[in-house]
Protein backbone atom coordinates (compact mmCIF):
# COMPACT_ATOMS: atom_id res chain seq x y z
CA UNK A 1 -61.25 -171.54 29.18
CA UNK A 2 -60.62 -174.66 27.12
CA UNK A 3 -63.92 -174.16 25.28
CA UNK A 4 -62.98 -170.55 24.45
CA UNK A 5 -59.57 -171.70 23.14
CA UNK A 6 -61.25 -174.37 21.01
CA UNK A 7 -63.65 -171.80 19.53
CA UNK A 8 -60.68 -169.45 18.98
CA UNK A 9 -58.81 -172.23 17.13
CA UNK A 10 -61.69 -173.12 14.84
CA UNK A 11 -62.43 -169.45 14.02
CA UNK A 12 -58.80 -168.73 13.16
CA UNK A 13 -58.36 -171.92 11.17
CA UNK A 14 -61.76 -171.48 9.51
CA UNK A 15 -62.64 -175.11 10.12
CA UNK A 16 -66.04 -175.79 11.69
CA UNK A 17 -65.70 -178.04 14.76
CA UNK A 18 -68.08 -180.62 13.28
CA UNK A 19 -65.80 -180.99 10.23
CA UNK A 20 -62.59 -181.55 12.22
CA UNK A 21 -62.29 -185.29 11.67
CA UNK A 22 -64.31 -185.66 8.46
CA UNK A 23 -62.38 -183.69 5.88
CA UNK A 24 -59.08 -184.77 4.31
CA UNK A 25 -58.27 -181.17 3.43
CA UNK A 26 -58.95 -180.08 6.99
CA UNK A 27 -56.89 -182.97 8.31
CA UNK A 28 -53.77 -181.87 6.45
CA UNK A 29 -54.29 -178.27 7.52
CA UNK A 30 -54.79 -179.22 11.15
CA UNK A 31 -51.96 -181.74 11.39
CA UNK A 32 -49.39 -179.06 12.23
CA UNK A 33 -51.29 -177.89 15.30
CA UNK A 34 -52.90 -181.13 16.43
CA UNK A 35 -51.35 -184.11 18.12
CA UNK A 36 -49.61 -184.89 21.38
CA UNK A 37 -49.14 -181.72 23.41
CA UNK A 38 -50.66 -179.57 20.70
CA UNK A 39 -54.03 -177.87 20.18
CA UNK A 40 -57.21 -179.82 20.87
CA UNK A 41 -55.31 -182.79 22.29
CA UNK A 42 -56.56 -184.51 25.42
CA UNK A 43 -53.74 -182.87 27.36
CA UNK A 44 -54.35 -179.89 29.60
CA UNK A 45 -54.92 -176.75 27.50
CA UNK A 46 -52.11 -175.05 29.44
CA UNK A 47 -49.66 -177.37 27.69
CA UNK A 48 -50.85 -176.53 24.17
CA UNK A 49 -48.34 -174.83 21.87
CA UNK A 50 -48.40 -171.06 22.34
CA UNK A 51 -50.51 -171.12 25.51
CA UNK A 52 -49.13 -170.08 28.90
CA UNK A 53 -51.07 -170.34 32.13
CA UNK A 54 -50.50 -168.68 35.50
CA UNK A 55 -47.46 -166.70 34.38
CA UNK A 56 -47.09 -162.95 33.89
CA UNK A 57 -44.09 -160.91 32.77
CA UNK A 58 -43.31 -157.33 31.98
CA UNK A 59 -41.21 -156.33 29.02
CA UNK A 60 -40.89 -156.29 25.25
CA UNK A 61 -40.34 -159.10 22.82
CA UNK A 62 -42.37 -161.33 20.56
CA UNK A 63 -42.56 -164.05 23.17
CA UNK A 64 -42.50 -161.97 26.34
CA UNK A 65 -38.97 -161.79 27.67
CA UNK A 66 -35.91 -161.52 25.50
CA UNK A 67 -33.50 -164.35 26.34
CA UNK A 68 -30.54 -161.97 26.53
CA UNK A 69 -32.35 -159.56 28.85
CA UNK A 70 -30.20 -159.31 31.98
CA UNK A 71 -33.16 -158.04 34.00
CA UNK A 72 -35.52 -160.85 32.96
CA UNK A 73 -35.81 -162.20 36.51
CA UNK A 74 -36.70 -158.76 37.83
CA UNK A 75 -39.47 -158.49 35.25
CA UNK A 76 -41.05 -161.88 35.92
CA UNK A 77 -44.03 -161.14 38.09
CA UNK A 78 -45.69 -164.53 38.33
CA UNK A 79 -44.06 -167.66 36.98
CA UNK A 80 -46.93 -170.11 37.38
CA UNK A 81 -45.52 -171.28 40.72
CA UNK A 82 -45.73 -168.06 42.71
CA UNK A 83 -48.79 -166.98 44.68
CA UNK A 84 -48.04 -163.25 44.84
CA UNK A 85 -46.93 -160.79 42.17
CA UNK A 86 -43.67 -159.55 43.69
CA UNK A 87 -43.73 -156.28 41.74
CA UNK A 88 -47.29 -155.21 42.50
CA UNK A 89 -47.85 -157.23 45.69
CA UNK A 90 -51.16 -158.63 44.41
CA UNK A 91 -52.29 -162.25 43.97
CA UNK A 92 -51.00 -164.07 40.90
CA UNK A 93 -53.53 -165.54 38.48
CA UNK A 94 -54.57 -169.14 39.09
CA UNK A 95 -52.01 -171.62 37.78
CA UNK A 96 -54.61 -172.98 35.33
CA UNK A 97 -55.69 -169.55 33.99
CA UNK A 98 -54.64 -168.64 30.46
CA UNK A 99 -52.40 -165.58 30.75
CA UNK A 100 -50.60 -165.57 27.37
CA UNK A 101 -51.37 -166.64 23.83
CA UNK A 102 -48.47 -166.40 21.40
CA UNK A 103 -49.18 -167.78 17.94
CA UNK A 104 -46.65 -165.71 16.01
CA UNK A 105 -45.95 -166.77 12.42
CA UNK A 106 -48.51 -169.58 12.28
CA UNK A 107 -49.80 -168.17 8.97
CA UNK A 108 -50.23 -171.52 7.29
CA UNK A 109 -52.79 -172.39 9.96
CA UNK A 110 -54.25 -169.07 11.14
CA UNK A 111 -56.18 -167.30 8.42
CA UNK A 112 -59.63 -166.72 9.86
CA UNK A 113 -61.12 -164.05 12.09
CA UNK A 114 -60.98 -163.21 15.79
CA UNK A 115 -63.82 -164.35 18.05
CA UNK A 116 -65.89 -162.16 20.34
CA UNK A 117 -65.62 -164.57 23.29
CA UNK A 118 -61.90 -164.10 23.88
CA UNK A 119 -62.84 -161.62 26.62
CA UNK A 120 -63.84 -164.67 28.68
CA UNK A 121 -60.13 -165.36 29.24
CA UNK A 122 -60.21 -162.93 32.14
CA UNK A 123 -56.54 -163.36 33.10
CA UNK A 124 -55.17 -162.89 29.58
CA UNK A 125 -52.47 -160.26 29.67
CA UNK A 126 -50.48 -160.98 26.48
CA UNK A 127 -51.93 -161.78 23.05
CA UNK A 128 -49.50 -162.06 20.18
CA UNK A 129 -50.89 -163.06 16.79
CA UNK A 130 -48.44 -161.19 14.57
CA UNK A 131 -47.33 -162.47 11.17
CA UNK A 132 -50.41 -164.52 10.33
CA UNK A 133 -53.21 -164.14 7.80
CA UNK A 134 -55.93 -163.12 10.23
CA UNK A 135 -58.49 -160.77 8.71
CA UNK A 136 -61.36 -158.65 9.84
CA UNK A 137 -61.62 -156.19 12.68
CA UNK A 138 -60.78 -156.44 16.35
CA UNK A 139 -64.02 -157.31 18.19
CA UNK A 140 -65.39 -154.63 20.52
CA UNK A 141 -65.37 -157.24 23.27
CA UNK A 142 -61.56 -156.94 23.42
CA UNK A 143 -62.15 -153.78 25.46
CA UNK A 144 -63.35 -156.12 28.21
CA UNK A 145 -59.90 -157.74 28.47
CA UNK A 146 -59.09 -155.67 31.55
CA UNK A 147 -55.74 -157.35 32.25
CA UNK A 148 -54.46 -157.19 28.67
CA UNK A 149 -51.10 -155.39 28.68
CA UNK A 150 -49.73 -156.46 25.30
CA UNK A 151 -51.54 -156.98 21.99
CA UNK A 152 -49.78 -157.49 18.66
CA UNK A 153 -51.83 -158.10 15.53
CA UNK A 154 -49.29 -156.62 13.12
CA UNK A 155 -48.50 -158.17 9.75
CA UNK A 156 -51.95 -159.70 9.24
CA UNK A 157 -54.42 -159.15 6.40
């Protein structure tokens, strides 16, 4: 999954992986997303900004649950610590599986295209890329994201 996220990052930032450390222009562009606890760091990919692993929720909102939602606890199905989805009585995704990507309003960094290989994140159920400068079409392979419940690509190019 880490390799898919890395490919996803480079496609959306339009920076070839081999150029990551060699270009001053790329360095300034990447500085906002790179570093301790951020994308491409040595830390676990589940701790990268905008990435959630092992957790699933039901409900509206740009980032999943609205903070003022009184029923938020009832809508949390798997919190990354649970083994069984209490709502559906099915196993929760592995605690290391990417379940959500939320990169809303990262437009200064995300201005490339979507990759075909995102379908390899088989536990992805929320993908929020609204308010960026992503262009192109949604790859056909997105139809293979069988667990995807929420997709927002609004306000892109």
